[in-house]
N, C-alpha and C. Protein backbone atom coordinates (compact mmCIF):
# COMPACT_ATOMS: atom_id res chain seq x y z
N UNK A 1 62.59 117.67 74.84
CA UNK A 1 61.81 117.08 75.90
C UNK A 1 60.34 117.43 75.78
N UNK A 2 60.04 118.40 74.94
CA UNK A 2 58.65 118.77 74.73
C UNK A 2 58.09 119.73 75.75
N UNK A 3 58.94 120.37 76.54
CA UNK A 3 58.44 121.33 77.52
C UNK A 3 58.04 122.62 76.84
N UNK A 4 57.03 123.25 77.36
CA UNK A 4 56.54 124.49 76.77
C UNK A 4 57.57 125.60 76.90
N UNK A 5 57.74 126.35 75.84
CA UNK A 5 58.63 127.50 75.88
C UNK A 5 57.86 128.78 76.16
N UNK A 6 56.59 128.65 76.51
CA UNK A 6 55.75 129.83 76.68
C UNK A 6 55.60 130.25 78.14
N UNK A 7 56.49 129.81 79.00
CA UNK A 7 56.44 130.25 80.39
C UNK A 7 56.70 131.74 80.43
N UNK A 8 55.89 132.48 81.20
CA UNK A 8 56.08 133.92 81.29
C UNK A 8 57.43 134.23 81.93
N UNK A 9 58.25 135.00 81.22
CA UNK A 9 59.57 135.38 81.71
C UNK A 9 59.54 136.84 82.11
N UNK A 10 60.42 137.22 83.00
CA UNK A 10 60.58 138.61 83.40
C UNK A 10 62.05 138.98 83.25
N UNK A 11 62.52 139.18 82.01
CA UNK A 11 63.94 139.41 81.75
C UNK A 11 64.54 140.56 82.55
N UNK A 12 63.80 141.63 82.78
CA UNK A 12 64.35 142.77 83.53
C UNK A 12 64.68 142.36 84.96
N UNK A 13 63.85 141.52 85.54
CA UNK A 13 64.09 141.03 86.90
C UNK A 13 65.17 139.95 86.88
N UNK A 14 65.05 139.02 85.94
CA UNK A 14 66.00 137.91 85.85
C UNK A 14 67.43 138.39 85.57
N UNK A 15 67.59 139.47 84.83
CA UNK A 15 68.94 139.92 84.49
C UNK A 15 69.65 140.55 85.69
N UNK A 16 68.92 140.77 86.77
CA UNK A 16 69.53 141.24 88.01
C UNK A 16 70.00 140.09 88.89
N UNK A 17 69.63 138.86 88.54
CA UNK A 17 70.03 137.67 89.30
C UNK A 17 71.44 137.26 88.88
N UNK A 18 72.31 137.07 89.87
CA UNK A 18 73.69 136.66 89.60
C UNK A 18 73.88 135.26 90.19
N UNK A 19 74.23 134.32 89.33
CA UNK A 19 74.43 132.94 89.75
C UNK A 19 75.92 132.62 89.73
N UNK A 20 76.42 132.18 90.86
CA UNK A 20 77.81 131.76 90.97
C UNK A 20 77.89 130.26 90.71
N UNK A 21 78.67 129.86 89.72
CA UNK A 21 78.81 128.45 89.36
C UNK A 21 80.18 127.96 89.81
N UNK A 22 80.19 127.08 90.81
CA UNK A 22 81.42 126.48 91.30
C UNK A 22 81.54 125.12 90.64
N UNK A 23 82.55 124.96 89.80
CA UNK A 23 82.67 123.74 89.02
C UNK A 23 84.07 123.66 88.43
N UNK A 24 84.13 123.26 87.17
CA UNK A 24 85.41 123.02 86.48
C UNK A 24 85.65 124.06 85.38
N UNK A 25 84.96 125.22 85.48
CA UNK A 25 85.12 126.30 84.51
C UNK A 25 84.07 126.24 83.42
N UNK A 26 84.18 127.15 82.45
CA UNK A 26 83.28 127.16 81.29
C UNK A 26 84.05 127.61 80.05
N UNK A 27 83.42 127.38 78.90
CA UNK A 27 83.91 127.92 77.63
C UNK A 27 83.15 129.23 77.41
N UNK A 28 83.79 130.36 77.60
CA UNK A 28 83.05 131.62 77.50
C UNK A 28 82.51 131.91 76.10
N UNK A 29 83.10 131.29 75.07
CA UNK A 29 82.63 131.56 73.71
C UNK A 29 81.40 130.73 73.32
N UNK A 30 80.92 129.87 74.20
CA UNK A 30 79.72 129.09 73.91
C UNK A 30 78.54 130.04 73.65
N UNK A 31 77.70 129.68 72.67
CA UNK A 31 76.52 130.50 72.37
C UNK A 31 75.61 130.69 73.58
N UNK A 32 75.64 129.75 74.50
CA UNK A 32 74.81 129.84 75.70
C UNK A 32 75.17 131.05 76.55
N UNK A 33 76.36 131.59 76.36
CA UNK A 33 76.81 132.70 77.19
C UNK A 33 76.97 134.00 76.41
N UNK A 34 76.29 134.07 75.27
CA UNK A 34 76.29 135.29 74.46
C UNK A 34 75.56 136.39 75.25
N UNK A 35 76.09 137.60 75.21
CA UNK A 35 75.49 138.68 76.00
C UNK A 35 74.64 139.65 75.17
N UNK A 36 74.29 139.25 73.95
CA UNK A 36 73.46 140.12 73.12
C UNK A 36 72.14 140.41 73.83
N UNK A 37 71.79 141.68 73.88
CA UNK A 37 70.54 142.10 74.51
C UNK A 37 70.65 142.35 76.01
N UNK A 38 71.81 142.07 76.60
CA UNK A 38 71.98 142.32 78.02
C UNK A 38 72.36 143.78 78.26
N UNK A 39 71.80 144.35 79.30
CA UNK A 39 72.15 145.71 79.69
C UNK A 39 73.40 145.71 80.55
N UNK A 40 73.64 146.82 81.21
CA UNK A 40 74.84 146.93 82.05
C UNK A 40 74.81 145.91 83.20
N UNK A 41 75.99 145.60 83.69
CA UNK A 41 76.15 144.70 84.84
C UNK A 41 75.51 145.37 86.06
N UNK A 42 74.79 144.61 86.89
CA UNK A 42 74.19 145.21 88.09
C UNK A 42 75.24 145.96 88.92
N UNK A 43 74.88 147.15 89.39
CA UNK A 43 75.83 148.00 90.11
C UNK A 43 76.24 147.41 91.46
N UNK A 44 75.47 146.50 92.00
CA UNK A 44 75.81 145.88 93.29
C UNK A 44 76.90 144.81 93.17
N UNK A 45 77.26 144.45 91.94
CA UNK A 45 78.28 143.42 91.70
C UNK A 45 79.63 143.89 92.21
N UNK A 46 80.28 143.04 93.02
CA UNK A 46 81.58 143.39 93.60
C UNK A 46 82.71 142.51 93.08
N UNK A 47 82.41 141.60 92.18
CA UNK A 47 83.40 140.64 91.71
C UNK A 47 84.31 141.19 90.64
N UNK A 48 85.12 140.29 90.08
CA UNK A 48 86.09 140.66 89.06
C UNK A 48 86.17 139.57 88.01
N UNK A 49 86.65 139.94 86.84
CA UNK A 49 86.90 138.97 85.79
C UNK A 49 88.39 138.64 85.83
N UNK A 50 88.70 137.58 86.54
CA UNK A 50 90.07 137.09 86.65
C UNK A 50 90.13 135.69 86.07
N UNK A 51 89.59 135.56 84.84
CA UNK A 51 89.49 134.27 84.19
C UNK A 51 90.80 133.73 83.65
N UNK A 52 91.82 134.59 83.56
CA UNK A 52 93.13 134.13 83.11
C UNK A 52 93.24 133.98 81.61
N UNK A 53 94.15 133.13 81.21
CA UNK A 53 94.50 132.95 79.80
C UNK A 53 93.29 132.57 78.94
N UNK A 54 93.12 133.29 77.83
CA UNK A 54 92.07 133.03 76.85
C UNK A 54 90.67 133.06 77.44
N UNK A 55 90.43 133.91 78.43
CA UNK A 55 89.11 133.99 79.04
C UNK A 55 88.66 135.44 79.05
N UNK A 56 87.50 135.69 78.46
CA UNK A 56 86.96 137.04 78.41
C UNK A 56 85.56 137.03 78.99
N UNK A 57 85.29 137.95 79.90
CA UNK A 57 83.94 138.11 80.44
C UNK A 57 83.15 139.05 79.53
N UNK A 58 81.85 139.09 79.74
CA UNK A 58 80.98 139.99 78.99
C UNK A 58 79.84 140.40 79.92
N UNK A 59 78.71 140.82 79.38
CA UNK A 59 77.58 141.22 80.23
C UNK A 59 76.76 140.02 80.71
N UNK A 60 77.03 138.82 80.20
CA UNK A 60 76.39 137.58 80.67
C UNK A 60 77.29 136.91 81.71
N UNK A 61 78.55 136.69 81.34
CA UNK A 61 79.55 136.15 82.28
C UNK A 61 80.24 137.37 82.88
N UNK A 62 79.81 137.77 84.06
CA UNK A 62 80.31 139.02 84.62
C UNK A 62 81.49 138.81 85.57
N UNK A 63 81.79 137.58 85.90
CA UNK A 63 82.92 137.32 86.79
C UNK A 63 83.51 135.96 86.54
N UNK A 64 84.80 135.84 86.86
CA UNK A 64 85.48 134.55 86.72
C UNK A 64 86.70 134.53 87.63
N UNK A 65 86.90 133.40 88.27
CA UNK A 65 88.09 133.19 89.10
C UNK A 65 88.51 131.73 88.94
N UNK A 66 89.79 131.50 89.06
CA UNK A 66 90.31 130.13 88.97
C UNK A 66 91.20 129.85 90.16
N UNK A 67 91.04 128.67 90.69
CA UNK A 67 91.85 128.23 91.83
C UNK A 67 92.72 127.06 91.43
N UNK A 68 92.73 126.74 90.14
CA UNK A 68 93.45 125.58 89.64
C UNK A 68 94.90 125.94 89.33
N UNK A 69 95.71 124.93 89.13
CA UNK A 69 97.11 125.14 88.78
C UNK A 69 97.25 125.82 87.42
N UNK A 70 96.27 125.62 86.56
CA UNK A 70 96.32 126.16 85.21
C UNK A 70 96.13 127.68 85.19
N UNK A 71 95.52 128.21 86.22
CA UNK A 71 95.23 129.63 86.35
C UNK A 71 94.39 130.15 85.17
N UNK A 72 93.37 129.42 84.84
CA UNK A 72 92.40 129.84 83.84
C UNK A 72 91.04 129.29 84.23
N UNK A 73 90.02 130.08 84.05
CA UNK A 73 88.66 129.63 84.35
C UNK A 73 88.05 128.86 83.18
N UNK A 74 88.85 128.58 82.17
CA UNK A 74 88.39 127.85 80.98
C UNK A 74 88.16 126.37 81.33
N UNK A 75 87.04 125.85 80.88
CA UNK A 75 86.67 124.44 81.04
C UNK A 75 87.43 123.59 80.02
N UNK A 76 88.10 122.56 80.48
CA UNK A 76 88.87 121.71 79.57
C UNK A 76 88.13 120.46 79.12
N UNK A 77 86.99 120.14 79.74
CA UNK A 77 86.29 118.90 79.41
C UNK A 77 84.82 119.09 79.02
N UNK A 78 84.24 120.25 79.29
CA UNK A 78 82.85 120.51 78.90
C UNK A 78 81.83 120.38 80.01
N UNK A 79 82.20 119.77 81.11
CA UNK A 79 81.22 119.54 82.19
C UNK A 79 80.73 120.84 82.80
N UNK A 80 81.64 121.74 83.13
CA UNK A 80 81.23 123.01 83.74
C UNK A 80 80.40 123.86 82.79
N UNK A 81 80.75 123.81 81.51
CA UNK A 81 79.99 124.54 80.49
C UNK A 81 78.57 124.00 80.44
N UNK A 82 78.44 122.68 80.47
CA UNK A 82 77.13 122.03 80.44
C UNK A 82 76.30 122.45 81.65
N UNK A 83 76.89 122.38 82.83
CA UNK A 83 76.18 122.72 84.06
C UNK A 83 75.74 124.18 84.04
N UNK A 84 76.64 125.10 83.68
CA UNK A 84 76.31 126.52 83.65
C UNK A 84 75.21 126.81 82.63
N UNK A 85 75.22 126.11 81.50
CA UNK A 85 74.18 126.35 80.49
C UNK A 85 72.83 125.81 80.95
N UNK A 86 72.81 124.77 81.77
CA UNK A 86 71.54 124.28 82.32
C UNK A 86 70.97 125.30 83.28
N UNK A 87 71.80 125.91 84.07
CA UNK A 87 71.36 126.88 85.07
C UNK A 87 70.91 128.18 84.42
N UNK A 88 71.73 128.74 83.52
CA UNK A 88 71.44 130.09 83.02
C UNK A 88 71.83 130.29 81.56
N UNK A 89 71.84 129.25 80.75
CA UNK A 89 72.19 129.42 79.35
C UNK A 89 71.17 130.24 78.60
N UNK A 90 71.66 131.14 77.75
CA UNK A 90 70.78 131.92 76.88
C UNK A 90 70.16 131.01 75.82
N UNK A 91 69.14 131.48 75.14
CA UNK A 91 68.49 130.70 74.07
C UNK A 91 69.48 130.41 72.95
N UNK A 92 69.57 129.16 72.56
CA UNK A 92 70.40 128.76 71.42
C UNK A 92 69.50 127.97 70.47
N UNK A 93 69.22 128.57 69.32
CA UNK A 93 68.36 127.91 68.32
C UNK A 93 69.17 126.90 67.52
N UNK A 94 68.52 125.88 67.04
CA UNK A 94 69.13 124.83 66.23
C UNK A 94 70.26 124.10 66.96
N UNK A 95 70.11 123.96 68.26
CA UNK A 95 71.07 123.16 69.03
C UNK A 95 70.79 121.69 68.73
N UNK A 96 71.84 120.87 68.79
CA UNK A 96 71.65 119.44 68.53
C UNK A 96 72.65 118.63 69.33
N UNK A 97 72.42 117.36 69.35
CA UNK A 97 73.35 116.42 69.93
C UNK A 97 73.95 115.65 68.77
N UNK A 98 75.18 116.01 68.40
CA UNK A 98 75.86 115.39 67.26
C UNK A 98 74.98 115.34 66.01
N UNK A 99 74.39 116.50 65.70
CA UNK A 99 73.56 116.68 64.51
C UNK A 99 72.26 115.88 64.51
N UNK A 100 71.80 115.47 65.67
CA UNK A 100 70.47 114.85 65.77
C UNK A 100 69.70 115.58 66.87
N UNK A 101 68.39 115.46 66.83
CA UNK A 101 67.51 116.04 67.84
C UNK A 101 67.65 117.56 67.92
N UNK A 102 67.51 118.24 66.80
CA UNK A 102 67.60 119.70 66.77
C UNK A 102 66.47 120.35 67.55
N UNK A 103 66.77 121.46 68.18
CA UNK A 103 65.77 122.22 68.92
C UNK A 103 66.40 123.46 69.50
N UNK A 104 65.68 124.10 70.39
CA UNK A 104 66.19 125.28 71.07
C UNK A 104 66.59 124.88 72.48
N UNK A 105 67.82 125.22 72.83
CA UNK A 105 68.32 124.95 74.18
C UNK A 105 68.29 126.25 74.98
N UNK A 106 68.00 126.15 76.25
CA UNK A 106 68.07 127.31 77.13
C UNK A 106 68.18 126.82 78.55
N UNK A 107 68.72 127.65 79.40
CA UNK A 107 68.83 127.32 80.81
C UNK A 107 67.57 127.67 81.57
N UNK A 108 67.58 127.37 82.86
CA UNK A 108 66.43 127.64 83.71
C UNK A 108 66.12 129.12 83.82
N UNK A 109 67.14 129.96 83.89
CA UNK A 109 66.98 131.41 83.98
C UNK A 109 67.89 132.04 82.92
N UNK A 110 67.43 132.06 81.66
CA UNK A 110 68.31 132.47 80.57
C UNK A 110 68.79 133.92 80.63
N UNK A 111 68.11 134.78 81.34
CA UNK A 111 68.53 136.18 81.43
C UNK A 111 69.43 136.47 82.63
N UNK A 112 69.70 135.44 83.44
CA UNK A 112 70.55 135.65 84.62
C UNK A 112 72.00 135.86 84.21
N UNK A 113 72.75 136.50 85.10
CA UNK A 113 74.19 136.70 84.91
C UNK A 113 74.92 135.53 85.55
N UNK A 114 76.16 135.31 85.12
CA UNK A 114 76.97 134.22 85.67
C UNK A 114 78.30 134.73 86.18
N UNK A 115 78.75 134.15 87.26
CA UNK A 115 80.13 134.31 87.71
C UNK A 115 80.66 132.90 87.91
N UNK A 116 81.82 132.64 87.34
CA UNK A 116 82.38 131.30 87.29
C UNK A 116 83.52 131.16 88.28
N UNK A 117 83.50 130.08 89.05
CA UNK A 117 84.54 129.80 90.03
C UNK A 117 85.09 128.40 89.74
N UNK A 118 86.25 128.35 89.09
CA UNK A 118 86.84 127.07 88.71
C UNK A 118 87.61 126.52 89.91
N UNK A 119 86.98 125.57 90.61
CA UNK A 119 87.57 125.00 91.82
C UNK A 119 88.22 123.65 91.58
N UNK A 120 87.97 123.05 90.41
CA UNK A 120 88.51 121.73 90.10
C UNK A 120 89.20 121.75 88.74
N UNK A 121 90.22 120.90 88.58
CA UNK A 121 90.95 120.86 87.30
C UNK A 121 91.82 119.63 87.15
N UNK A 122 91.38 118.45 86.95
CA UNK A 122 90.04 117.93 87.26
C UNK A 122 89.88 117.58 88.73
N UNK A 123 91.00 117.53 89.49
CA UNK A 123 90.90 117.21 90.91
C UNK A 123 90.34 118.40 91.68
N UNK A 124 89.61 118.09 92.73
CA UNK A 124 89.02 119.12 93.59
C UNK A 124 89.71 119.08 94.95
N UNK A 125 90.09 120.25 95.41
CA UNK A 125 90.72 120.36 96.72
C UNK A 125 89.84 121.19 97.64
N UNK A 126 89.74 120.77 98.89
CA UNK A 126 88.88 121.46 99.86
C UNK A 126 89.17 122.96 99.90
N UNK A 127 90.44 123.33 99.92
CA UNK A 127 90.83 124.74 99.98
C UNK A 127 90.27 125.53 98.80
N UNK A 128 90.31 124.96 97.60
CA UNK A 128 89.81 125.64 96.41
C UNK A 128 88.29 125.80 96.47
N UNK A 129 87.61 124.76 96.91
CA UNK A 129 86.14 124.81 97.00
C UNK A 129 85.70 125.85 98.02
N UNK A 130 86.32 125.84 99.19
CA UNK A 130 85.95 126.80 100.23
C UNK A 130 86.32 128.23 99.81
N UNK A 131 87.43 128.40 99.11
CA UNK A 131 87.80 129.72 98.59
C UNK A 131 86.77 130.21 97.59
N UNK A 132 86.29 129.31 96.74
CA UNK A 132 85.27 129.67 95.75
C UNK A 132 83.97 130.11 96.44
N UNK A 133 83.55 129.37 97.46
CA UNK A 133 82.36 129.78 98.23
C UNK A 133 82.57 131.17 98.82
N UNK A 134 83.70 131.39 99.48
CA UNK A 134 83.97 132.69 100.10
C UNK A 134 83.96 133.81 99.07
N UNK A 135 84.62 133.59 97.93
CA UNK A 135 84.67 134.63 96.90
C UNK A 135 83.29 134.89 96.31
N UNK A 136 82.53 133.84 96.04
CA UNK A 136 81.19 134.01 95.46
C UNK A 136 80.30 134.85 96.40
N UNK A 137 80.37 134.55 97.68
CA UNK A 137 79.57 135.30 98.66
C UNK A 137 80.04 136.76 98.71
N UNK A 138 81.35 136.97 98.79
CA UNK A 138 81.89 138.33 98.84
C UNK A 138 81.61 139.11 97.55
N UNK A 139 81.58 138.42 96.40
CA UNK A 139 81.32 139.07 95.12
C UNK A 139 79.88 139.54 94.99
N UNK A 140 78.97 138.91 95.74
CA UNK A 140 77.57 139.31 95.72
C UNK A 140 76.66 138.45 94.88
N UNK A 141 77.01 137.15 94.67
CA UNK A 141 76.10 136.30 93.92
C UNK A 141 74.81 136.08 94.72
N UNK A 142 73.73 135.84 94.02
CA UNK A 142 72.44 135.58 94.66
C UNK A 142 72.22 134.10 94.90
N UNK A 143 72.73 133.28 93.99
CA UNK A 143 72.54 131.84 94.03
C UNK A 143 73.88 131.18 93.74
N UNK A 144 74.19 130.11 94.45
CA UNK A 144 75.40 129.34 94.16
C UNK A 144 74.96 127.98 93.62
N UNK A 145 75.50 127.63 92.46
CA UNK A 145 75.29 126.32 91.88
C UNK A 145 76.62 125.59 91.95
N UNK A 146 76.63 124.43 92.59
CA UNK A 146 77.86 123.65 92.70
C UNK A 146 77.56 122.22 92.26
N UNK A 147 78.37 121.72 91.37
CA UNK A 147 78.18 120.37 90.84
C UNK A 147 79.53 119.66 90.86
N UNK A 148 79.88 119.17 92.04
CA UNK A 148 81.18 118.55 92.23
C UNK A 148 80.99 117.21 92.93
N UNK A 149 81.64 116.19 92.41
CA UNK A 149 81.64 114.87 93.04
C UNK A 149 82.94 114.74 93.83
N UNK A 150 82.85 114.68 95.13
CA UNK A 150 84.03 114.64 95.97
C UNK A 150 84.63 113.24 96.09
N UNK A 151 83.94 112.22 95.62
CA UNK A 151 84.45 110.84 95.64
C UNK A 151 84.75 110.30 97.03
N UNK A 152 84.27 110.95 98.05
CA UNK A 152 84.45 110.39 99.38
C UNK A 152 83.30 110.86 100.26
N UNK A 153 82.56 109.90 100.82
CA UNK A 153 81.49 110.29 101.73
C UNK A 153 82.10 110.90 103.00
N UNK A 154 81.44 111.90 103.52
CA UNK A 154 81.97 112.57 104.70
C UNK A 154 80.85 112.85 105.68
N UNK A 155 81.19 112.85 106.94
CA UNK A 155 80.25 113.29 107.96
C UNK A 155 80.01 114.78 107.74
N UNK A 156 78.87 115.27 108.13
CA UNK A 156 78.53 116.67 107.90
C UNK A 156 79.62 117.62 108.37
N UNK A 157 80.20 117.35 109.51
CA UNK A 157 81.22 118.24 110.07
C UNK A 157 82.51 118.27 109.24
N UNK A 158 82.71 117.26 108.38
CA UNK A 158 83.90 117.19 107.53
C UNK A 158 83.58 117.34 106.04
N UNK A 159 82.33 117.64 105.70
CA UNK A 159 81.91 117.72 104.32
C UNK A 159 82.17 119.15 103.79
N UNK A 160 83.14 119.28 102.90
CA UNK A 160 83.56 120.59 102.39
C UNK A 160 82.40 121.38 101.77
N UNK A 161 81.59 120.71 100.97
CA UNK A 161 80.48 121.41 100.30
C UNK A 161 79.44 121.85 101.34
N UNK A 162 79.15 121.01 102.32
CA UNK A 162 78.21 121.42 103.37
C UNK A 162 78.75 122.60 104.17
N UNK A 163 80.03 122.57 104.50
CA UNK A 163 80.65 123.67 105.25
C UNK A 163 80.55 124.97 104.43
N UNK A 164 80.89 124.89 103.14
CA UNK A 164 80.81 126.08 102.29
C UNK A 164 79.39 126.57 102.14
N UNK A 165 78.43 125.66 102.03
CA UNK A 165 77.03 126.03 101.85
C UNK A 165 76.44 126.69 103.10
N UNK A 166 76.94 126.34 104.26
CA UNK A 166 76.43 126.95 105.49
C UNK A 166 77.09 128.30 105.79
N UNK A 167 78.14 128.62 105.04
CA UNK A 167 78.83 129.89 105.22
C UNK A 167 77.95 130.98 104.61
N UNK A 168 77.71 132.03 105.31
CA UNK A 168 76.83 133.07 104.78
C UNK A 168 77.40 134.45 104.92
N UNK A 169 76.59 135.40 104.49
CA UNK A 169 76.98 136.81 104.55
C UNK A 169 76.98 137.30 105.98
């Protein structure tokens, strides 16, 4: 896109930021979630790595929970991985789109930590979404990123994402 990569970063401050991603899971082995250069997990973190089958947390992905029938926080389609990498993906050199348009990919806050809440698989249920909000808040995330299409317009009083977003500490 031609955006400058010279924005002043503060990795020591950014690595204390914990972003909770409520979506369809992630691929923890993606280069975007490599924890090289990360220090210890912030001591205020209260969450857990309950990513299930074939899911391993590290110092970048510090938490994972799944509310799906599959009982794994692993992304099966790539959407959650894409969203999480946009928010907080680490620098990945020589990234490309099907071997074209090579460059460096990175998220908005590449030094931030991630906790993953798989609320959809691929269907989304209100109970799973609200449970993910509750767990993310209790775990101590600083920011919640949610990218879910509910496929039904709702009045504010019946909108699951609005209800979860208004829930606070």
